[in-house]
Amino acid sequence: MWTWMKGNTAAATALGVILTALTGVIGVLALGRDIADCTLNGCGENKRPPTAAVATPPPTSNGPAISETSSAPTTAPSSPDAPEPPEGENVDDPPPGTGETPPGNESPYLADLEAVTSNSFKKGPVGLADKTLLHSLTRNINNCTTDGTASYALGGRYAKMTGQFGLSDRTPRADARIALEIQGDGKALKSFEFTLNDGAVPATIDVQDVSRLELHWTYVNPQLCVSARPVAQLVIGDAKLAAK
C-alpha cells in the first residue's frame, strides 16, 4: 500500500481528500443528531427524563349501565286463578232477601226493596190504564197458578204506602179476575179485586209500625188447567213508602 502511494502521488492525494470529506460529513451528521436531541429533550442539566408510556384505556361499552340493585314490582300481578264475579252481578250490591232500604233513600218505592220471601214479583216499568208506571212490581198469572205471596221487611220505619193497583194493559183475558190482599204483620190492611176494565185503582195504605208487609194474590175464576197460558198481569204500580 505504501509503495503504491509513493508511485501514485496524485491518486494518494485524491484519496486523502475523499477520506477527509467523509470524516467531515460524519461529524456534521453526528452534530446534527445531537442538536436535534437537545432541541427535543434538552441538553446537560436541562435534559428531560424519558416519557413513560401512557396506557390505552380499555374500550367502553355503548350499552346502558347495569344497576347492581333491582327494585321489586310495587304491585303484585293478578292471579290467573282469581274467580270472576258472575256475569251481570254487581259485587257491591247487598245480597237479596235483606229487605233493607237503599242507603240515603228514606222514602223508597216498594220496588226498591228486596222481597224477603217468595219474590214472585218482577221489577220494572209497566203500562197501566194507558200510562207507564216506572217503579212497579208485576206478577204474570197463568191458568195453572191460583195464588202467590211476596213479603217485604219495612221494619216499622214507614207511615203509609201510596200507589196504583190493577191489571196491566198486556193482560190477555179481559174476564180474568184477580184478588189482591195487602197485609201488615199478618193483619189485612187493604183488599182489591180487579178485572182489566177496572183500569188503575189508586190507594193509600196505612203501614204505621208495620214490620213485614205481605202481598197475597189469588186467581178468582181460574180455567181448566190443560197447559200454562198467561191470563193476567197483576200490577203494584209506583207504590211509594213515606217515612214517619
Protein backbone atom coordinates (compact mmCIF):
# COMPACT_ATOMS: atom_id res chain seq x y z
CA MET A 1 0.00 0.00 0.00
CA TRP A 2 2.74 2.44 0.98
CA THR A 3 4.83 1.52 -2.09
CA TRP A 4 1.80 2.11 -4.28
CA MET A 5 1.20 5.52 -2.76
CA LYS A 6 4.80 6.54 -3.49
CA GLY A 7 4.41 5.69 -7.16
CA ASN A 8 0.98 7.26 -7.46
CA THR A 9 1.17 10.58 -5.66
CA ALA A 10 -1.79 12.13 -7.38
CA ALA A 11 -4.08 9.21 -6.57
CA ALA A 12 -2.97 9.21 -2.99
CA THR A 13 -3.71 12.90 -2.71
CA ALA A 14 -7.21 12.41 -4.11
CA LEU A 15 -7.89 9.52 -1.70
CA GLY A 16 -6.86 11.69 1.21
CA VAL A 17 -9.22 14.42 0.15
CA ILE A 18 -12.08 11.94 -0.08
CA LEU A 19 -11.42 10.49 3.38
CA THR A 20 -11.21 13.98 4.86
CA ALA A 21 -14.53 14.90 3.26
CA LEU A 22 -16.21 11.71 4.56
CA THR A 23 -14.91 12.44 8.05
CA GLY A 24 -16.39 15.93 7.88
CA VAL A 25 -19.77 14.63 6.70
CA ILE A 26 -19.86 12.08 9.52
CA GLY A 27 -19.02 14.80 12.01
CA VAL A 28 -21.74 17.08 10.66
CA LEU A 29 -24.33 14.25 10.87
CA ALA A 30 -23.34 13.47 14.45
CA LEU A 31 -23.56 17.15 15.39
CA GLY A 32 -26.96 17.45 13.76
CA ARG A 33 -28.24 14.44 15.72
CA ASP A 34 -27.01 15.96 18.99
CA ILE A 35 -28.60 19.32 18.15
CA ALA A 36 -31.92 17.61 17.38
CA ASP A 37 -31.77 15.61 20.61
CA CYS A 38 -31.07 18.79 22.61
CA THR A 39 -33.98 20.50 20.90
CA LEU A 40 -36.42 17.74 21.82
CA ASN A 41 -35.17 16.58 25.21
CA GLY A 42 -32.85 19.40 26.39
CA CYS A 43 -29.10 19.29 26.95
CA GLY A 44 -27.00 18.82 30.06
CA GLU A 45 -28.87 19.64 33.28
CA ASN A 46 -31.97 20.61 31.32
CA LYS A 47 -32.29 17.23 29.66
CA ARG A 48 -35.85 15.85 30.07
CA PRO A 49 -36.36 12.38 31.55
CA PRO A 50 -37.77 9.75 29.21
CA THR A 51 -41.58 9.90 28.91
CA ALA A 52 -43.44 6.90 30.37
CA ALA A 53 -45.73 5.08 28.02
CA VAL A 54 -49.37 6.03 28.50
CA ALA A 55 -51.62 3.02 28.86
CA THR A 56 -54.51 2.93 26.41
CA PRO A 57 -57.83 2.75 28.33
CA PRO A 58 -59.95 -0.30 27.58
CA PRO A 59 -62.82 0.28 25.18
CA THR A 60 -66.06 1.38 26.83
CA SER A 61 -69.44 -0.23 26.11
CA ASN A 62 -72.09 1.88 24.42
CA GLY A 63 -74.89 -0.11 26.14
CA PRO A 64 -76.80 1.13 29.20
CA ALA A 65 -75.21 0.78 32.58
CA ILE A 66 -76.48 -2.18 34.57
CA SER A 67 -77.55 -1.38 38.10
CA GLU A 68 -76.39 -3.79 40.77
CA THR A 69 -79.66 -3.38 42.66
CA SER A 70 -83.06 -4.34 41.32
CA SER A 71 -86.36 -2.95 42.55
CA ALA A 72 -89.25 -5.31 43.17
CA PRO A 73 -92.56 -4.52 41.42
CA THR A 74 -94.80 -2.38 43.59
CA THR A 75 -98.00 -4.15 42.51
CA ALA A 76 -98.34 -7.90 42.54
CA PRO A 77 -99.63 -9.36 39.27
CA SER A 78 -103.18 -10.55 39.39
CA SER A 79 -103.59 -14.25 39.80
CA PRO A 80 -104.95 -16.02 36.74
CA ASP A 81 -106.91 -18.23 39.11
CA ALA A 82 -108.80 -15.34 40.76
CA PRO A 83 -112.54 -16.01 40.46
CA GLU A 84 -114.57 -13.65 38.31
CA PRO A 85 -117.96 -12.41 39.54
CA PRO A 86 -120.87 -13.99 37.68
CA GLU A 87 -121.93 -12.11 34.57
CA GLY A 88 -124.48 -9.38 35.29
CA GLU A 89 -123.83 -9.46 39.06
CA ASN A 90 -122.64 -6.35 40.86
CA VAL A 91 -120.33 -7.40 43.71
CA ASP A 92 -121.15 -4.16 45.56
CA ASP A 93 -124.90 -4.86 45.71
CA PRO A 94 -126.32 -6.12 49.03
CA PRO A 95 -127.48 -9.75 48.94
CA PRO A 96 -131.15 -10.25 48.06
CA GLY A 97 -133.60 -11.01 50.79
CA THR A 98 -132.40 -8.42 53.33
CA GLY A 99 -135.36 -6.08 52.75
CA GLU A 100 -133.15 -3.13 53.68
CA THR A 101 -133.92 0.36 52.45
CA PRO A 102 -131.32 1.61 49.91
CA PRO A 103 -128.83 3.98 51.64
CA GLY A 104 -129.85 7.62 51.54
CA ASN A 105 -133.42 6.86 50.43
CA GLU A 106 -135.87 7.47 53.29
CA SER A 107 -138.94 7.28 51.05
CA PRO A 108 -138.31 4.42 48.62
CA TYR A 109 -140.65 2.70 46.25
CA LEU A 110 -141.68 -0.77 47.31
CA ALA A 111 -139.93 -1.96 44.13
CA ASP A 112 -136.65 -0.64 45.57
CA LEU A 113 -136.77 -3.23 48.34
CA GLU A 114 -135.87 -6.89 48.05
CA ALA A 115 -138.54 -9.44 48.92
CA VAL A 116 -137.61 -11.49 51.98
CA THR A 117 -139.82 -14.44 50.99
CA SER A 118 -141.03 -15.80 47.63
CA ASN A 119 -140.15 -12.96 45.31
CA SER A 120 -142.82 -13.78 42.73
CA PHE A 121 -142.98 -10.16 41.55
CA LYS A 122 -140.72 -8.61 38.93
CA LYS A 123 -139.44 -5.04 38.96
CA GLY A 124 -139.67 -2.55 36.12
CA PRO A 125 -141.87 -0.15 34.16
CA VAL A 126 -145.34 -1.30 33.10
CA GLY A 127 -148.36 0.11 31.30
CA LEU A 128 -151.48 0.50 33.44
CA ALA A 129 -154.58 2.24 32.05
CA ASP A 130 -152.55 3.63 29.14
CA LYS A 131 -149.99 5.16 31.50
CA THR A 132 -146.42 3.96 32.09
CA LEU A 133 -145.51 3.49 35.74
CA LEU A 134 -141.73 3.27 36.08
CA HIS A 135 -141.33 1.89 39.62
CA SER A 136 -143.64 -1.08 39.55
CA LEU A 137 -143.95 -4.68 40.66
CA THR A 138 -145.69 -7.10 38.28
CA ARG A 139 -146.78 -10.72 38.52
CA ASN A 140 -147.64 -12.80 35.45
CA ILE A 141 -150.50 -15.15 36.25
CA ASN A 142 -151.35 -18.23 34.19
CA ASN A 143 -154.34 -20.54 34.23
CA CYS A 144 -152.42 -23.22 36.17
CA THR A 145 -151.40 -20.95 39.07
CA THR A 146 -154.10 -19.90 41.51
CA ASP A 147 -152.28 -17.84 44.18
CA GLY A 148 -148.95 -16.48 45.43
CA THR A 149 -147.29 -14.37 48.14
CA ALA A 150 -144.36 -11.98 48.49
CA SER A 151 -143.15 -10.34 51.74
CA TYR A 152 -141.13 -7.17 52.34
CA ALA A 153 -139.42 -6.05 55.56
CA LEU A 154 -140.43 -2.48 56.45
CA GLY A 155 -139.06 -2.56 59.98
CA GLY A 156 -141.69 -0.12 61.29
CA ARG A 157 -139.94 2.79 59.54
CA TYR A 158 -142.84 3.99 57.37
CA ALA A 159 -146.20 5.66 57.91
CA LYS A 160 -148.05 4.96 54.65
CA MET A 161 -147.78 3.49 51.15
CA THR A 162 -149.41 5.17 48.15
CA GLY A 163 -149.71 3.62 44.71
CA GLN A 164 -151.88 2.43 41.81
CA PHE A 165 -153.11 -1.14 41.54
CA GLY A 166 -154.78 -3.24 38.86
CA LEU A 167 -154.18 -5.43 35.77
CA SER A 168 -151.75 -4.23 33.14
CA ASP A 169 -152.61 -3.29 29.59
CA ARG A 170 -150.96 -6.55 28.48
CA THR A 171 -153.47 -8.75 30.30
CA PRO A 172 -154.59 -11.39 27.73
CA ARG A 173 -158.03 -12.19 29.18
CA ALA A 174 -160.47 -9.36 29.87
CA ASP A 175 -162.67 -11.63 32.01
CA ALA A 176 -159.88 -12.74 34.38
CA ARG A 177 -160.49 -11.67 37.98
CA ILE A 178 -157.54 -11.30 40.33
CA ALA A 179 -157.85 -10.59 44.06
CA LEU A 180 -155.09 -8.79 45.98
CA GLU A 181 -154.85 -8.52 49.76
CA ILE A 182 -152.17 -6.40 51.42
CA GLN A 183 -151.31 -7.46 54.96
CA GLY A 184 -149.16 -5.93 57.68
CA ASP A 185 -147.71 -8.36 60.25
CA GLY A 186 -150.45 -10.86 59.37
CA LYS A 187 -153.38 -8.39 59.52
CA ALA A 188 -155.36 -7.30 56.43
CA LEU A 189 -154.69 -3.67 55.54
CA LYS A 190 -156.36 -3.42 52.11
CA SER A 191 -158.21 -5.76 49.72
CA PHE A 192 -158.89 -5.43 45.97
CA GLU A 193 -160.46 -7.46 43.18
CA PHE A 194 -159.55 -6.43 39.63
CA THR A 195 -160.58 -7.06 36.07
CA LEU A 196 -158.97 -5.48 33.03
CA ASN A 197 -161.83 -2.99 32.75
CA ASP A 198 -161.11 -1.55 36.21
CA GLY A 199 -158.02 0.25 34.96
CA ALA A 200 -155.76 1.80 37.61
CA VAL A 201 -157.11 1.83 41.17
CA PRO A 202 -155.32 4.40 43.37
CA ALA A 203 -154.95 3.64 47.08
CA THR A 204 -153.17 4.87 50.19
CA ILE A 205 -152.46 2.20 52.79
CA ASP A 206 -151.58 2.79 56.44
CA VAL A 207 -148.37 0.90 57.26
CA GLN A 208 -147.66 2.64 60.56
CA ASP A 209 -145.42 0.40 62.74
CA VAL A 210 -145.62 -2.49 60.23
CA SER A 211 -142.54 -4.67 60.34
CA ARG A 212 -143.44 -7.02 57.48
CA LEU A 213 -145.65 -6.19 54.52
CA GLU A 214 -147.20 -9.07 52.58
CA LEU A 215 -148.83 -9.16 49.14
CA HIS A 216 -151.29 -12.06 48.65
CA TRP A 217 -152.88 -12.55 45.24
CA THR A 218 -155.49 -15.09 44.07
CA TYR A 219 -156.80 -16.07 40.64
CA VAL A 220 -160.53 -15.92 41.40
CA ASN A 221 -162.04 -17.54 38.29
CA PRO A 222 -159.42 -19.98 37.01
CA GLN A 223 -159.99 -22.00 33.87
CA LEU A 224 -159.30 -25.69 33.39
CA CYS A 225 -155.54 -26.18 33.58
CA VAL A 226 -154.61 -28.04 30.40
CA SER A 227 -151.43 -26.05 29.75
CA ALA A 228 -149.95 -22.97 31.38
CA ARG A 229 -151.28 -19.99 29.45
CA PRO A 230 -150.96 -16.37 30.59
CA VAL A 231 -154.27 -14.87 31.62
CA ALA A 232 -153.40 -11.65 33.51
CA GLN A 233 -150.60 -9.43 34.76
CA LEU A 234 -151.06 -8.00 38.25
CA VAL A 235 -149.56 -4.54 38.88
CA ILE A 236 -148.40 -2.85 42.10
CA GLY A 237 -147.71 0.48 40.40
CA ASP A 238 -145.34 3.16 41.75
CA ALA A 239 -146.10 2.11 45.35
CA LYS A 240 -144.16 4.68 47.36
CA LEU A 241 -143.40 4.39 51.06
CA ALA A 242 -143.49 7.56 53.17
CA ALA A 243 -141.23 7.77 56.19
CA LYS A 244 -142.68 8.65 59.56
